[in-house]
Amino acid sequence: MITFDLDLEVENVLWRVLETRPFQRLRRVKQLGFSDLVYPGASHSRFAHSIGVFHTARQLLDVVHRIKGDREVSREKMALSAALIHDLGHGPFSHAFEKVGERLGLKLADHEHVSDLLIRNGEVAEILNEISSAFAIDVADMVKKEGRKTVHNAVVSSQFDADRLDYMRRDRLMSGTQHAAIDFAWLMANLEIASVPIGLDDAPLGSIETFVIGPKAIHAAEAYVLGLFQLYPTVYFHKATRGAEKIFTELLVRMVNLARGGIVHATGLPVGHPLIRFALNAESLESALCLDDSVVWGALSLMAEASDAMISELATRLRDRKLYKCIDVRSRIVHEFDPDSTGDSQYIMSIETCCANVNKKLSEWINDKGGDSPRVILDEAARSPYKVGEGSKGPAERINVRTEGGQLVDLKMRSRVVAGLADFRLFRAYYNESDSEARSAITQIIDSEVAACRSMTH
């Protein structure tokens, strides 16, 4: 049960923020995009996640109060507000929509940018500013990791922030995967607060307060790192989910380009459709607010009847879950050079070189053999299991463990499990299942580049 105490000023204000149009839109944006094509239960919304982050933030603030005793009420209000509304700007299918924006240079496809605009201006800002005249600006700065830093910022953004602690548990529960379990209660019970140094190029710039782990929770912290890492190959980077994201990206890029080229009729959508309005006026925040998952799903049947062959095929595929077939290029190359999956450094260079060469050759083939619809779509990604915390913030960005002697050390120095984790990398090629030439080209390019890399190492 997550309650809002309307007798408390901040919770009364946030309840009214929850009732605004920008926040209610999050009911129609799924947290995991296309993951429910693989895990049917994973249909939870950004709305549910945001309320969960708010609830977890309250628990973290209880930890802060328990440890520090005194309270900074204004900072607590900022942290609670930032936790609730940090995701206001997500577009249809969350991060998949941002890929469309990257391809086309659409600022309002960047959820962080849109969130910032919605928090600083409009009806959300008007309600927030009832607390104080510049409260909305302070909240926006906290979401953007700007302004004065206190331990309350760690509630919103840190290795143990409310966002991550909610989505790890929620995504695991809703997808049904049995990976990625964490001992949330034990982690919370063993959270401490400490000042950690920050600097730039070894020059000290002071220190900031953040959450650290007590010595009894090292194994729980290990499970936390492993749990987050396991969600990537299991859920977030699942081949079918990524395949749907690729089709979605190609579909919307084509739709926007046709609309901007004055060929709206070829998209199958009417001029007044929200997707067309956004394509033609991508700088309008109002146009962006009209977009959500339901708008896209509702458009697919119209786009399936489009006169443009690419729009028609991709819309039909997405609507009916007729995804492209996938060849796991990287797995094949790894098997050729390291069949026992030892991860030995002597094989890594050959694997990376071969993957880069295959990518280059496949990209050339795609450019030479283009058709009405994409014949081959490439997908590369990497995920580090644990970032040590380098750069200007240094120790503040890592998981710090307090030893029995009272020293703060990086978790990686205390855990062989975490220290031994390698980056997760993927390289896949998606192709039309009826396109035998494309499949043959992918296979031949892999085989020829494997042979070429082998000859270089001998």
Foldseek 3Di string as FASTA:
>chain_A
DQDQDCVDLLSVLVVVLCVDLLNVLQQQAFPQQQLCVPQVLRRGTPNVLLSQLLVLLVLLVVLVCVAVVDDDVLLSSLLSNLSNQLQSQAFASGVLQVLLCVVVVQPSNDRLSLSLVVLQDDDNVVSQCVVPPCSSVSSNCLSVVHDDAAQSSQCNDAPDHSSLVRCLVVSCVRSVDPALDAPVVVQSVFKDKDWDWFAAPPHTDGTYIYIAGEPVCLVRVLSNLRSVQVCVCVGNPPPLSVQLSVLVSQLLNVQLVCLVVVNNQQQLDDCPQLSSVCSVVSVDSVSRSVGYNVSLLVCLVSRLPGNQPASNVSSVCNNVVVTFDKDFLLVVLCCLQPVVPPVDPVRVVLSVVLLVQLVVVLVVVQVVDPDSHRFKDKDKDKAQSFDQADGRGRPRHAHWYQDPVGDTDGSLVVDVSNVPDDMDITIMMTGHPVCVVSVVVSVVSSVVSSVVSVVVVD
